[in-house]
Structure formats: C-alpha cells, structure tokens
Amino acid sequence: PLTADVVGRFVRARVLVRDAHRLRLAHEAVLDAWPRLRDRSDG
C-alpha cells in the first residue's frame, strides 16, 4: 500500500506517467530541473 500511495501521488501530480505496465517521468527535462535527480551517482 505504501508504494502504491507514493506512485499514485506522483501520477496525480503529473510528474509520472503510467501506462499499461510501466512508469516513466513526464519529461526528461525534469532530470536537470529537479535537484534531487541531478546527482545520480548513487543510482
């Protein structure tokens, strides 16, 4: 339920896009614009 709630919040905010089986960011420009995603060395 926690994972479903977190995913649902980002989908409703239009940050994530959900189709039949996958999740993706609404746009790749978020990578550079959101500071939390700029440093991806710990991916």
PDB file of all heavy atoms in Angstrom:
ATOM      1  N   PRO A   1       0.812  -1.224   0.000  1.00  0.00           N
ATOM      2  CA  PRO A   1       0.000   0.000   0.000  1.00  0.00           C
ATOM      3  C   PRO A   1       0.844   1.273   0.000  1.00  0.00           C
ATOM      4  O   PRO A   1       0.473   2.267  -0.636  1.00  0.00           O
ATOM      5  CB  PRO A   1      -0.832  -0.122   1.285  1.00  0.00           C
ATOM      6  CG  PRO A   1      -0.903  -1.594   1.546  1.00  0.00           C
ATOM      7  CD  PRO A   1       0.417  -2.142   1.087  1.00  0.00           C
ATOM      8  N   LEU A   2       1.988   1.264   0.707  1.00  0.00           N
ATOM      9  CA  LEU A   2       2.831   2.460   0.747  1.00  0.00           C
ATOM     10  C   LEU A   2       3.379   2.779  -0.629  1.00  0.00           C
ATOM     11  O   LEU A   2       3.345   3.940  -1.076  1.00  0.00           O
ATOM     12  CB  LEU A   2       3.985   2.256   1.743  1.00  0.00           C
ATOM     13  CG  LEU A   2       4.998   3.410   1.823  1.00  0.00           C
ATOM     14  CD1 LEU A   2       4.309   4.700   2.254  1.00  0.00           C
ATOM     15  CD2 LEU A   2       6.133   3.056   2.780  1.00  0.00           C
ATOM     16  N   THR A   3       3.895   1.775  -1.333  1.00  0.00           N
ATOM     17  CA  THR A   3       4.422   2.004  -2.680  1.00  0.00           C
ATOM     18  C   THR A   3       3.321   2.496  -3.611  1.00  0.00           C
ATOM     19  O   THR A   3       3.532   3.428  -4.395  1.00  0.00           O
ATOM     20  CB  THR A   3       5.053   0.719  -3.229  1.00  0.00           C
ATOM     21  OG1 THR A   3       6.120   0.309  -2.368  1.00  0.00           O
ATOM     22  CG2 THR A   3       5.600   0.934  -4.627  1.00  0.00           C
ATOM     23  N   ALA A   4       2.145   1.869  -3.536  1.00  0.00           N
ATOM     24  CA  ALA A   4       1.028   2.290  -4.386  1.00  0.00           C
ATOM     25  C   ALA A   4       0.639   3.734  -4.105  1.00  0.00           C
ATOM     26  O   ALA A   4       0.329   4.503  -5.026  1.00  0.00           O
ATOM     27  CB  ALA A   4      -0.168   1.364  -4.178  1.00  0.00           C
ATOM     28  N   ASP A   5       0.664   4.144  -2.826  1.00  0.00           N
ATOM     29  CA  ASP A   5       0.306   5.519  -2.466  1.00  0.00           C
ATOM     30  C   ASP A   5       1.328   6.505  -3.010  1.00  0.00           C
ATOM     31  O   ASP A   5       0.965   7.551  -3.566  1.00  0.00           O
ATOM     32  CB  ASP A   5       0.216   5.637  -0.944  1.00  0.00           C
ATOM     33  CG  ASP A   5      -0.086   7.064  -0.495  1.00  0.00           C
ATOM     34  OD1 ASP A   5      -1.151   7.593  -0.871  1.00  0.00           O
ATOM     35  OD2 ASP A   5       0.751   7.651   0.212  1.00  0.00           O
ATOM     36  N   VAL A   6       2.625   6.180  -2.868  1.00  0.00           N
ATOM     37  CA  VAL A   6       3.674   7.082  -3.362  1.00  0.00           C
ATOM     38  C   VAL A   6       3.576   7.231  -4.871  1.00  0.00           C
ATOM     39  O   VAL A   6       3.609   8.355  -5.416  1.00  0.00           O
ATOM     40  CB  VAL A   6       5.064   6.551  -2.959  1.00  0.00           C
ATOM     41  CG1 VAL A   6       6.169   7.339  -3.661  1.00  0.00           C
ATOM     42  CG2 VAL A   6       5.239   6.638  -1.440  1.00  0.00           C
ATOM     43  N   VAL A   7       3.427   6.126  -5.582  1.00  0.00           N
ATOM     44  CA  VAL A   7       3.309   6.179  -7.044  1.00  0.00           C
ATOM     45  C   VAL A   7       2.072   6.976  -7.444  1.00  0.00           C
ATOM     46  O   VAL A   7       2.121   7.830  -8.338  1.00  0.00           O
ATOM     47  CB  VAL A   7       3.264   4.762  -7.635  1.00  0.00           C
ATOM     48  CG1 VAL A   7       2.892   4.806  -9.114  1.00  0.00           C
ATOM     49  CG2 VAL A   7       4.601   4.067  -7.447  1.00  0.00           C
ATOM     50  N   GLY A   8       0.956   6.723  -6.774  1.00  0.00           N
ATOM     51  CA  GLY A   8      -0.278   7.421  -7.106  1.00  0.00           C
ATOM     52  C   GLY A   8      -0.175   8.921  -6.940  1.00  0.00           C
ATOM     53  O   GLY A   8      -0.712   9.684  -7.754  1.00  0.00           O
ATOM     54  N   ARG A   9       0.525   9.381  -5.914  1.00  0.00           N
ATOM     55  CA  ARG A   9       0.675  10.824  -5.691  1.00  0.00           C
ATOM     56  C   ARG A   9       1.460  11.482  -6.821  1.00  0.00           C
ATOM     57  O   ARG A   9       1.090  12.561  -7.297  1.00  0.00           O
ATOM     58  CB  ARG A   9       1.377  11.081  -4.358  1.00  0.00           C
ATOM     59  CG  ARG A   9       0.557  10.714  -3.131  1.00  0.00           C
ATOM     60  CD  ARG A   9       1.249  11.179  -1.874  1.00  0.00           C
ATOM     61  NE  ARG A   9       0.566  10.714  -0.667  1.00  0.00           N
ATOM     62  CZ  ARG A   9       0.610  11.332   0.501  1.00  0.00           C
ATOM     63  NH1 ARG A   9       1.296  12.459   0.606  1.00  0.00           N
ATOM     64  NH2 ARG A   9      -0.008  10.850   1.550  1.00  0.00           N
ATOM     65  N   PHE A  10       2.529  10.852  -7.250  1.00  0.00           N
ATOM     66  CA  PHE A  10       3.327  11.441  -8.322  1.00  0.00           C
ATOM     67  C   PHE A  10       2.594  11.360  -9.669  1.00  0.00           C
ATOM     68  O   PHE A  10       2.767  12.244 -10.513  1.00  0.00           O
ATOM     69  CB  PHE A  10       4.687  10.752  -8.406  1.00  0.00           C
ATOM     70  CG  PHE A  10       5.654  11.191  -7.348  1.00  0.00           C
ATOM     71  CD1 PHE A  10       5.958  10.358  -6.278  1.00  0.00           C
ATOM     72  CD2 PHE A  10       6.246  12.441  -7.401  1.00  0.00           C
ATOM     73  CE1 PHE A  10       6.849  10.761  -5.293  1.00  0.00           C
ATOM     74  CE2 PHE A  10       7.136  12.857  -6.425  1.00  0.00           C
ATOM     75  CZ  PHE A  10       7.435  12.007  -5.356  1.00  0.00           C
ATOM     76  N   VAL A  11       1.777  10.336  -9.862  1.00  0.00           N
ATOM     77  CA  VAL A  11       0.983  10.245 -11.100  1.00  0.00           C
ATOM     78  C   VAL A  11      -0.072  11.343 -11.123  1.00  0.00           C
ATOM     79  O   VAL A  11      -0.268  12.024 -12.134  1.00  0.00           O
ATOM     80  CB  VAL A  11       0.345   8.851 -11.239  1.00  0.00           C
ATOM     81  CG1 VAL A  11      -0.679   8.838 -12.376  1.00  0.00           C
ATOM     82  CG2 VAL A  11       1.409   7.788 -11.509  1.00  0.00           C
ATOM     83  N   ARG A  12      -0.763  11.523 -10.004  1.00  0.00           N
ATOM     84  CA  ARG A  12      -1.809  12.560  -9.951  1.00  0.00           C
ATOM     85  C   ARG A  12      -1.223  13.957 -10.101  1.00  0.00           C
ATOM     86  O   ARG A  12      -1.887  14.862 -10.626  1.00  0.00           O
ATOM     87  CB  ARG A  12      -2.584  12.452  -8.634  1.00  0.00           C
ATOM     88  CG  ARG A  12      -3.507  11.255  -8.564  1.00  0.00           C
ATOM     89  CD  ARG A  12      -4.429  11.343  -7.357  1.00  0.00           C
ATOM     90  NE  ARG A  12      -3.707  11.242  -6.107  1.00  0.00           N
ATOM     91  CZ  ARG A  12      -3.396  10.100  -5.504  1.00  0.00           C
ATOM     92  NH1 ARG A  12      -3.732   8.946  -6.053  1.00  0.00           N
ATOM     93  NH2 ARG A  12      -2.741  10.098  -4.345  1.00  0.00           N
ATOM     94  N   ALA A  13       0.016  14.144  -9.670  1.00  0.00           N
ATOM     95  CA  ALA A  13       0.680  15.451  -9.816  1.00  0.00           C
ATOM     96  C   ALA A  13       1.264  15.638 -11.207  1.00  0.00           C
ATOM     97  O   ALA A  13       1.895  16.656 -11.474  1.00  0.00           O
ATOM     98  CB  ALA A  13       1.780  15.595  -8.769  1.00  0.00           C
ATOM     99  N   ARG A  14       1.078  14.648 -12.091  1.00  0.00           N
ATOM    100  CA  ARG A  14       1.559  14.697 -13.483  1.00  0.00           C
ATOM    101  C   ARG A  14       3.073  14.613 -13.577  1.00  0.00           C
ATOM    102  O   ARG A  14       3.636  14.885 -14.631  1.00  0.00           O
ATOM    103  CB  ARG A  14       1.097  15.988 -14.197  1.00  0.00           C
ATOM    104  CG  ARG A  14      -0.378  16.291 -14.090  1.00  0.00           C
ATOM    105  CD  ARG A  14      -1.217  15.372 -14.909  1.00  0.00           C
ATOM    106  NE  ARG A  14      -2.544  15.901 -15.157  1.00  0.00           N
ATOM    107  CZ  ARG A  14      -3.496  15.247 -15.789  1.00  0.00           C
ATOM    108  NH1 ARG A  14      -3.274  14.034 -16.263  1.00  0.00           N
ATOM    109  NH2 ARG A  14      -4.681  15.782 -15.995  1.00  0.00           N
ATOM    110  N   VAL A  15       3.740  14.239 -12.492  1.00  0.00           N
ATOM    111  CA  VAL A  15       5.196  14.090 -12.533  1.00  0.00           C
ATOM    112  C   VAL A  15       5.564  12.762 -13.202  1.00  0.00           C
ATOM    113  O   VAL A  15       6.520  12.679 -13.962  1.00  0.00           O
ATOM    114  CB  VAL A  15       5.786  14.158 -11.111  1.00  0.00           C
ATOM    115  CG1 VAL A  15       7.289  13.892 -11.134  1.00  0.00           C
ATOM    116  CG2 VAL A  15       5.483  15.510 -10.484  1.00  0.00           C
ATOM    117  N   LEU A  16       4.785  11.718 -12.897  1.00  0.00           N
ATOM    118  CA  LEU A  16       4.980  10.407 -13.504  1.00  0.00           C
ATOM    119  C   LEU A  16       3.837  10.097 -14.447  1.00  0.00           C
ATOM    120  O   LEU A  16       2.699  10.551 -14.249  1.00  0.00           O
ATOM    121  CB  LEU A  16       5.053   9.311 -12.434  1.00  0.00           C
ATOM    122  CG  LEU A  16       6.242   9.354 -11.470  1.00  0.00           C
ATOM    123  CD1 LEU A  16       6.161   8.169 -10.510  1.00  0.00           C
ATOM    124  CD2 LEU A  16       7.551   9.341 -12.219  1.00  0.00           C
ATOM    125  N   VAL A  17       4.141   9.331 -15.461  1.00  0.00           N
ATOM    126  CA  VAL A  17       3.145   8.851 -16.417  1.00  0.00           C
ATOM    127  C   VAL A  17       3.063   7.343 -16.260  1.00  0.00           C
ATOM    128  O   VAL A  17       4.091   6.648 -16.255  1.00  0.00           O
ATOM    129  CB  VAL A  17       3.543   9.202 -17.865  1.00  0.00           C
ATOM    130  CG1 VAL A  17       2.515   8.655 -18.847  1.00  0.00           C
ATOM    131  CG2 VAL A  17       3.674  10.700 -18.012  1.00  0.00           C
ATOM    132  N   ARG A  18       1.855   6.835 -16.139  1.00  0.00           N
ATOM    133  CA  ARG A  18       1.664   5.395 -16.002  1.00  0.00           C
ATOM    134  C   ARG A  18       0.840   4.889 -17.168  1.00  0.00           C
ATOM    135  O   ARG A  18      -0.243   5.397 -17.447  1.00  0.00           O
ATOM    136  CB  ARG A  18       0.970   5.064 -14.683  1.00  0.00           C
ATOM    137  CG  ARG A  18       0.785   3.560 -14.480  1.00  0.00           C
ATOM    138  CD  ARG A  18       0.405   3.229 -13.066  1.00  0.00           C
ATOM    139  NE  ARG A  18       0.374   1.781 -12.868  1.00  0.00           N
ATOM    140  CZ  ARG A  18       0.380   1.188 -11.695  1.00  0.00           C
ATOM    141  NH1 ARG A  18       0.404   1.913 -10.598  1.00  0.00           N
ATOM    142  NH2 ARG A  18       0.348  -0.126 -11.595  1.00  0.00           N
ATOM    143  N   ASP A  19       1.376   3.869 -17.855  1.00  0.00           N
ATOM    144  CA  ASP A  19       0.584   3.219 -18.901  1.00  0.00           C
ATOM    145  C   ASP A  19       0.283   1.798 -18.447  1.00  0.00           C
ATOM    146  O   ASP A  19       0.234   1.524 -17.252  1.00  0.00           O
ATOM    147  CB  ASP A  19       1.289   3.298 -20.254  1.00  0.00           C
ATOM    148  CG  ASP A  19       2.679   2.683 -20.230  1.00  0.00           C
ATOM    149  OD1 ASP A  19       2.970   1.878 -19.317  1.00  0.00           O
ATOM    150  OD2 ASP A  19       3.482   2.999 -21.119  1.00  0.00           O
ATOM    151  N   ALA A  20       0.107   0.868 -19.381  1.00  0.00           N
ATOM    152  CA  ALA A  20      -0.368  -0.455 -19.021  1.00  0.00           C
ATOM    153  C   ALA A  20       0.548  -1.154 -18.022  1.00  0.00           C
ATOM    154  O   ALA A  20       0.086  -1.783 -17.074  1.00  0.00           O
ATOM    155  CB  ALA A  20      -0.533  -1.300 -20.277  1.00  0.00           C
ATOM    156  N   HIS A  21       1.838  -1.085 -18.214  1.00  0.00           N
ATOM    157  CA  HIS A  21       2.752  -1.863 -17.378  1.00  0.00           C
ATOM    158  C   HIS A  21       3.938  -1.070 -16.849  1.00  0.00           C
ATOM    159  O   HIS A  21       4.760  -1.634 -16.129  1.00  0.00           O
ATOM    160  CB  HIS A  21       3.297  -3.065 -18.165  1.00  0.00           C
ATOM    161  CG  HIS A  21       2.224  -3.948 -18.723  1.00  0.00           C
ATOM    162  ND1 HIS A  21       1.405  -4.710 -17.921  1.00  0.00           N
ATOM    163  CD2 HIS A  21       1.827  -4.176 -20.005  1.00  0.00           C
ATOM    164  CE1 HIS A  21       0.555  -5.388 -18.685  1.00  0.00           C
ATOM    165  NE2 HIS A  21       0.788  -5.076 -19.939  1.00  0.00           N
ATOM    166  N   ARG A  22       4.067   0.204 -17.201  1.00  0.00           N
ATOM    167  CA  ARG A  22       5.299   0.906 -16.876  1.00  0.00           C
ATOM    168  C   ARG A  22       5.042   2.300 -16.324  1.00  0.00           C
ATOM    169  O   ARG A  22       3.991   2.894 -16.556  1.00  0.00           O
ATOM    170  CB  ARG A  22       6.200   1.012 -18.111  1.00  0.00           C
ATOM    171  CG  ARG A  22       6.714  -0.338 -18.577  1.00  0.00           C
ATOM    172  CD  ARG A  22       7.701  -0.180 -19.705  1.00  0.00           C
ATOM    173  NE  ARG A  22       8.315  -1.439 -20.052  1.00  0.00           N
ATOM    174  CZ  ARG A  22       9.292  -1.578 -20.939  1.00  0.00           C
ATOM    175  NH1 ARG A  22       9.755  -0.514 -21.573  1.00  0.00           N
ATOM    176  NH2 ARG A  22       9.806  -2.760 -21.199  1.00  0.00           N
ATOM    177  N   LEU A  23       6.068   2.792 -15.617  1.00  0.00           N
ATOM    178  CA  LEU A  23       6.092   4.160 -15.121  1.00  0.00           C
ATOM    179  C   LEU A  23       7.255   4.889 -15.780  1.00  0.00           C
ATOM    180  O   LEU A  23       8.319   4.301 -15.995  1.00  0.00           O
ATOM    181  CB  LEU A  23       6.295   4.181 -13.606  1.00  0.00           C
ATOM    182  CG  LEU A  23       5.122   3.787 -12.717  1.00  0.00           C
ATOM    183  CD1 LEU A  23       5.625   3.576 -11.295  1.00  0.00           C
ATOM    184  CD2 LEU A  23       4.047   4.847 -12.734  1.00  0.00           C
ATOM    185  N   ARG A  24       7.049   6.166 -16.077  1.00  0.00           N
ATOM    186  CA  ARG A  24       8.143   6.967 -16.622  1.00  0.00           C
ATOM    187  C   ARG A  24       7.938   8.422 -16.190  1.00  0.00           C
ATOM    188  O   ARG A  24       6.829   8.818 -15.803  1.00  0.00           O
ATOM    189  CB  ARG A  24       8.198   6.873 -18.147  1.00  0.00           C
ATOM    190  CG  ARG A  24       6.929   7.287 -18.846  1.00  0.00           C
ATOM    191  CD  ARG A  24       7.105   7.277 -20.355  1.00  0.00           C
ATOM    192  NE  ARG A  24       7.513   5.984 -20.855  1.00  0.00           N
ATOM    193  CZ  ARG A  24       6.674   4.982 -21.141  1.00  0.00           C
ATOM    194  NH1 ARG A  24       5.381   5.146 -20.944  1.00  0.00           N
ATOM    195  NH2 ARG A  24       7.110   3.849 -21.615  1.00  0.00           N
ATOM    196  N   LEU A  25       9.012   9.193 -16.240  1.00  0.00           N
ATOM    197  CA  LEU A  25       8.899  10.614 -15.942  1.00  0.00           C
ATOM    198  C   LEU A  25       8.103  11.322 -17.036  1.00  0.00           C
ATOM    199  O   LEU A  25       8.162  10.927 -18.210  1.00  0.00           O
ATOM    200  CB  LEU A  25      10.284  11.240 -15.848  1.00  0.00           C
ATOM    201  CG  LEU A  25      11.058  11.003 -14.543  1.00  0.00           C
ATOM    202  CD1 LEU A  25      12.498  11.452 -14.712  1.00  0.00           C
ATOM    203  CD2 LEU A  25      10.412  11.749 -13.390  1.00  0.00           C
ATOM    204  N   ALA A  26       7.368  12.373 -16.635  1.00  0.00           N
ATOM    205  CA  ALA A  26       6.568  13.112 -17.608  1.00  0.00           C
ATOM    206  C   ALA A  26       7.440  13.720 -18.697  1.00  0.00           C
ATOM    207  O   ALA A  26       7.014  13.840 -19.842  1.00  0.00           O
ATOM    208  CB  ALA A  26       5.759  14.207 -16.917  1.00  0.00           C
ATOM    209  N   HIS A  27       8.663  14.089 -18.346  1.00  0.00           N
ATOM    210  CA  HIS A  27       9.574  14.622 -19.359  1.00  0.00           C
ATOM    211  C   HIS A  27      10.995  14.535 -18.835  1.00  0.00           C
ATOM    212  O   HIS A  27      11.247  14.717 -17.636  1.00  0.00           O
ATOM    213  CB  HIS A  27       9.234  16.078 -19.712  1.00  0.00           C
ATOM    214  CG  HIS A  27       9.828  16.515 -21.008  1.00  0.00           C
ATOM    215  ND1 HIS A  27      11.137  16.917 -21.125  1.00  0.00           N
ATOM    216  CD2 HIS A  27       9.308  16.585 -22.252  1.00  0.00           C
ATOM    217  CE1 HIS A  27      11.384  17.229 -22.382  1.00  0.00           C
ATOM    218  NE2 HIS A  27      10.293  17.033 -23.083  1.00  0.00           N
ATOM    219  N   GLU A  28      11.927  14.254 -19.742  1.00  0.00           N
ATOM    220  CA  GLU A  28      13.328  14.110 -19.353  1.00  0.00           C
ATOM    221  C   GLU A  28      13.931  15.409 -18.830  1.00  0.00           C
ATOM    222  O   GLU A  28      14.952  15.394 -18.136  1.00  0.00           O
ATOM    223  CB  GLU A  28      14.149  13.613 -20.534  1.00  0.00           C
ATOM    224  CG  GLU A  28      14.126  14.538 -21.728  1.00  0.00           C
ATOM    225  CD  GLU A  28      14.602  13.857 -22.989  1.00  0.00           C
ATOM    226  OE1 GLU A  28      14.601  12.630 -23.040  1.00  0.00           O
ATOM    227  OE2 GLU A  28      14.961  14.586 -23.923  1.00  0.00           O
ATOM    228  N   ALA A  29      13.304  16.553 -19.143  1.00  0.00           N
ATOM    229  CA  ALA A  29      13.824  17.825 -18.637  1.00  0.00           C
ATOM    230  C   ALA A  29      13.790  17.891 -17.118  1.00  0.00           C
ATOM    231  O   ALA A  29      14.522  18.673 -16.506  1.00  0.00           O
ATOM    232  CB  ALA A  29      13.017  18.985 -19.226  1.00  0.00           C
ATOM    233  N   VAL A  30      12.962  17.060 -16.481  1.00  0.00           N
ATOM    234  CA  VAL A  30      12.904  17.036 -15.017  1.00  0.00           C
ATOM    235  C   VAL A  30      14.252  16.616 -14.439  1.00  0.00           C
ATOM    236  O   VAL A  30      14.611  16.993 -13.327  1.00  0.00           O
ATOM    237  CB  VAL A  30      11.791  16.075 -14.548  1.00  0.00           C
ATOM    238  CG1 VAL A  30      11.642  16.115 -13.026  1.00  0.00           C
ATOM    239  CG2 VAL A  30      10.468  16.438 -15.195  1.00  0.00           C
ATOM    240  N   LEU A  31      15.020  15.807 -15.184  1.00  0.00           N
ATOM    241  CA  LEU A  31      16.303  15.321 -14.690  1.00  0.00           C
ATOM    242  C   LEU A  31      17.219  16.463 -14.290  1.00  0.00           C
ATOM    243  O   LEU A  31      17.898  16.410 -13.265  1.00  0.00           O
ATOM    244  CB  LEU A  31      16.996  14.474 -15.766  1.00  0.00           C
ATOM    245  CG  LEU A  31      16.365  13.112 -16.098  1.00  0.00           C
ATOM    246  CD1 LEU A  31      17.155  12.457 -17.199  1.00  0.00           C
ATOM    247  CD2 LEU A  31      16.310  12.231 -14.868  1.00  0.00           C
ATOM    248  N   ASP A  32      17.258  17.498 -15.115  1.00  0.00           N
ATOM    249  CA  ASP A  32      18.143  18.631 -14.836  1.00  0.00           C
ATOM    250  C   ASP A  32      17.491  19.686 -13.959  1.00  0.00           C
ATOM    251  O   ASP A  32      18.183  20.455 -13.293  1.00  0.00           O
ATOM    252  CB  ASP A  32      18.595  19.267 -16.152  1.00  0.00           C
ATOM    253  CG  ASP A  32      19.430  18.314 -16.985  1.00  0.00           C
ATOM    254  OD1 ASP A  32      20.223  17.561 -16.392  1.00  0.00           O
ATOM    255  OD2 ASP A  32      19.272  18.308 -18.217  1.00  0.00           O
ATOM    256  N   ALA A  33      16.152  19.719 -13.963  1.00  0.00           N
ATOM    257  CA  ALA A  33      15.467  20.787 -13.233  1.00  0.00           C
ATOM    258  C   ALA A  33      15.243  20.452 -11.759  1.00  0.00           C
ATOM    259  O   ALA A  33      15.135  21.357 -10.939  1.00  0.00           O
ATOM    260  CB  ALA A  33      14.120  21.088 -13.898  1.00  0.00           C
ATOM    261  N   TRP A  34      15.161  19.168 -11.416  1.00  0.00           N
ATOM    262  CA  TRP A  34      14.895  18.786 -10.031  1.00  0.00           C
ATOM    263  C   TRP A  34      16.217  18.460  -9.350  1.00  0.00           C
ATOM    264  O   TRP A  34      16.899  17.495  -9.725  1.00  0.00           O
ATOM    265  CB  TRP A  34      13.957  17.580  -9.979  1.00  0.00           C
ATOM    266  CG  TRP A  34      13.367  17.333  -8.618  1.00  0.00           C
ATOM    267  CD1 TRP A  34      13.296  18.206  -7.580  1.00  0.00           C
ATOM    268  CD2 TRP A  34      12.760  16.115  -8.161  1.00  0.00           C
ATOM    269  NE1 TRP A  34      12.677  17.632  -6.500  1.00  0.00           N
ATOM    270  CE2 TRP A  34      12.332  16.355  -6.824  1.00  0.00           C
ATOM    271  CE3 TRP A  34      12.521  14.881  -8.741  1.00  0.00           C
ATOM    272  CZ2 TRP A  34      11.703  15.370  -6.068  1.00  0.00           C
ATOM    273  CZ3 TRP A  34      11.883  13.897  -7.994  1.00  0.00           C
ATOM    274  CH2 TRP A  34      11.473  14.138  -6.672  1.00  0.00           C
ATOM    275  N   PRO A  35      16.631  19.225  -8.349  1.00  0.00           N
ATOM    276  CA  PRO A  35      17.940  18.994  -7.723  1.00  0.00           C
ATOM    277  C   PRO A  35      18.127  17.578  -7.197  1.00  0.00           C
ATOM    278  O   PRO A  35      19.236  17.056  -7.202  1.00  0.00           O
ATOM    279  CB  PRO A  35      17.962  20.028  -6.579  1.00  0.00           C
ATOM    280  CG  PRO A  35      17.048  21.110  -7.034  1.00  0.00           C
ATOM    281  CD  PRO A  35      15.957  20.421  -7.809  1.00  0.00           C
ATOM    282  N   ARG A  36      17.054  16.930  -6.748  1.00  0.00           N
ATOM    283  CA  ARG A  36      17.197  15.580  -6.202  1.00  0.00           C
ATOM    284  C   ARG A  36      17.595  14.556  -7.267  1.00  0.00           C
ATOM    285  O   ARG A  36      18.039  13.458  -6.935  1.00  0.00           O
ATOM    286  CB  ARG A  36      15.890  15.130  -5.543  1.00  0.00           C
ATOM    287  CG  ARG A  36      15.532  15.936  -4.316  1.00  0.00           C
ATOM    288  CD  ARG A  36      14.308  15.383  -3.611  1.00  0.00           C
ATOM    289  NE  ARG A  36      13.870  16.284  -2.572  1.00  0.00           N
ATOM    290  CZ  ARG A  36      14.380  16.304  -1.341  1.00  0.00           C
ATOM    291  NH1 ARG A  36      15.342  15.465  -1.025  1.00  0.00           N
ATOM    292  NH2 ARG A  36      13.938  17.162  -0.443  1.00  0.00           N
ATOM    293  N   LEU A  37      17.411  14.896  -8.537  1.00  0.00           N
ATOM    294  CA  LEU A  37      17.755  13.968  -9.609  1.00  0.00           C
ATOM    295  C   LEU A  37      19.050  14.343 -10.315  1.00  0.00           C
ATOM    296  O   LEU A  37      19.526  13.586 -11.156  1.00  0.00           O
ATOM    297  CB  LEU A  37      16.632  13.909 -10.650  1.00  0.00           C
ATOM    298  CG  LEU A  37      15.328  13.264 -10.204  1.00  0.00           C
ATOM    299  CD1 LEU A  37      14.371  13.194 -11.369  1.00  0.00           C
ATOM    300  CD2 LEU A  37      15.562  11.877  -9.636  1.00  0.00           C
ATOM    301  N   ARG A  38      19.612  15.503  -9.983  1.00  0.00           N
ATOM    302  CA  ARG A  38      20.811  15.922 -10.711  1.00  0.00           C
ATOM    303  C   ARG A  38      21.998  15.017 -10.408  1.00  0.00           C
ATOM    304  O   ARG A  38      22.758  14.666 -11.295  1.00  0.00           O
ATOM    305  CB  ARG A  38      21.163  17.371 -10.336  1.00  0.00           C
ATOM    306  CG  ARG A  38      20.249  18.386 -11.002  1.00  0.00           C
ATOM    307  CD  ARG A  38      20.596  19.789 -10.571  1.00  0.00           C
ATOM    308  NE  ARG A  38      19.608  20.747 -11.061  1.00  0.00           N
ATOM    309  CZ  ARG A  38      19.420  21.948 -10.523  1.00  0.00           C
ATOM    310  NH1 ARG A  38      20.161  22.323  -9.487  1.00  0.00           N
ATOM    311  NH2 ARG A  38      18.515  22.760 -11.014  1.00  0.00           N
ATOM    312  N   ASP A  39      22.180  14.662  -9.140  1.00  0.00           N
ATOM    313  CA  ASP A  39      23.279  13.772  -8.771  1.00  0.00           C
ATOM    314  C   ASP A  39      22.749  12.348  -8.772  1.00  0.00           C
ATOM    315  O   ASP A  39      22.071  11.926  -7.853  1.00  0.00           O
ATOM    316  CB  ASP A  39      23.825  14.136  -7.391  1.00  0.00           C
ATOM    317  CG  ASP A  39      24.986  13.229  -6.981  1.00  0.00           C
ATOM    318  OD1 ASP A  39      25.470  12.480  -7.849  1.00  0.00           O
ATOM    319  OD2 ASP A  39      25.394  13.275  -5.813  1.00  0.00           O
ATOM    320  N   ARG A  40      23.079  11.606  -9.820  1.00  0.00           N
ATOM    321  CA  ARG A  40      22.589  10.234  -9.942  1.00  0.00           C
ATOM    322  C   ARG A  40      23.716   9.226  -9.749  1.00  0.00           C
ATOM    323  O   ARG A  40      23.639   8.093 -10.203  1.00  0.00           O
ATOM    324  CB  ARG A  40      21.920  10.042 -11.310  1.00  0.00           C
ATOM    325  CG  ARG A  40      20.796  11.040 -11.544  1.00  0.00           C
ATOM    326  CD  ARG A  40      19.937  10.648 -12.690  1.00  0.00           C
ATOM    327  NE  ARG A  40      20.608  10.670 -13.966  1.00  0.00           N
ATOM    328  CZ  ARG A  40      20.809  11.753 -14.701  1.00  0.00           C
ATOM    329  NH1 ARG A  40      20.413  12.920 -14.269  1.00  0.00           N
ATOM    330  NH2 ARG A  40      21.418  11.688 -15.881  1.00  0.00           N
ATOM    331  N   SER A  41      24.798   9.658  -9.070  1.00  0.00           N
ATOM    332  CA  SER A  41      25.927   8.763  -8.874  1.00  0.00           C
ATOM    333  C   SER A  41      25.592   7.591  -7.977  1.00  0.00           C
ATOM    334  O   SER A  41      26.271   6.570  -7.996  1.00  0.00           O
ATOM    335  CB  SER A  41      27.097   9.541  -8.259  1.00  0.00           C
ATOM    336  OG  SER A  41      26.708  10.122  -7.028  1.00  0.00           O
ATOM    337  N   ASP A  42      24.516   7.718  -7.144  1.00  0.00           N
ATOM    338  CA  ASP A  42      24.142   6.615  -6.264  1.00  0.00           C
ATOM    339  C   ASP A  42      22.985   5.821  -6.851  1.00  0.00           C
ATOM    340  O   ASP A  42      22.234   5.180  -6.143  1.00  0.00           O
ATOM    341  CB  ASP A  42      23.750   7.149  -4.876  1.00  0.00           C
ATOM    342  CG  ASP A  42      22.516   8.064  -4.933  1.00  0.00           C
ATOM    343  OD1 ASP A  42      22.198   8.541  -6.033  1.00  0.00           O
ATOM    344  OD2 ASP A  42      21.901   8.279  -3.883  1.00  0.00           O
ATOM    345  N   GLY A  43      22.822   5.843  -8.157  1.00  0.00           N
ATOM    346  CA  GLY A  43      21.758   5.093  -8.807  1.00  0.00           C
ATOM    347  C   GLY A  43      21.987   3.600  -8.707  1.00  0.00           C
ATOM    348  O   GLY A  43      22.982   3.130  -8.157  1.00  0.00           O
TER     349      GLY A  43
END
